[in-house]
């Protein structure tokens, strides 16, 4: 065969886009749905995330499998985008039927396997952070809840081997892209030829995504919002035609959603700095901004505002004073003009 013609024929070869079968679990929560996905890619059948551990979720999962003439025995691999409980729920139940290879980012292992030493250090980090931010009884209640949950949630421990993923890896035709912020181990799975992205909780269409403070690898606190914002900025550089999220609708204009999230971050930081014309603790700021939600959604509210304080401090827009074990924050004088 003519080598020139062979080259032309190779140029015409196209890579098939993944075939996606969404699994949507309705919820009355503001999240709208819990989403995970059955995906045909690279001649394999994959499960990207694994929903919540409920009979309702299990039954809907079985219905989607059957509707496409599949069973659990046909699944070749499970890939977790991050360790949160609404993304790992069915893993153990599935792997009791078939020992399917499970992949996750290495930073999620001690969370997925519920390492007791790690979990104790994490609780201590939250206790110290809440104290430094001026929280009172609400912090005591939350720390007590975390200690209780460490024992009660033992059933969420992922059993069996977990295979490690890292940014830059390629798996079943997908590029692994690290997208930390919402979770320290969060990844996106990206199929370049079709510009298909599984973004899960990195961004969703109907609501802002929480950047959650956590224990970092050095034993300190993650600068969650700064990390999350950097992840979003990076994703703006990646062509995406469609994005599959962990909640709500499939997104056909992902970059518009990302831009909206970045705008929300900037608007909230502007509001925070305006409220810091006088010196305040983060707890006092939280009560002022969130009212009764401060107590009802304590950890989410504190993660949110600690993140914005980190962002403003990093930008040099606020000053910090430490007195009697508590941090106080105020906008720099020139910011008030």
Foldseek 3Di string as FASTA:
>chain_A
DPPVVVVVVVVPDAADDKDWQKQWAADPDPLRTFIWIFICFLNATETEFQAAQDVSSVVSVQVSQVVVPHDLVRHAEYEYQAQDRRRHHCQVVSVVVPVHAYEFAPVRQCVQQLPPVQLVLWLVQQLLVCLQLPDDPLSVVVSVVSVVCSVVVNVSRRDDDYHHDDQQDADRQWGWHQQAQLHNRGTKTANQSQQEIARAQLFDQPDAGFRAWTQDPVSHIDLRLVSSLVSLVVVLVRRHQWYHYRGDDTDRPVNVRSVVNNVVLVVVLVVLQVVQQDKDRLLVSLCVVPPPVCSVVVRRSSSSSSSSVSVCVVVVQWDWDGDPSYIIIHGDPVVVD
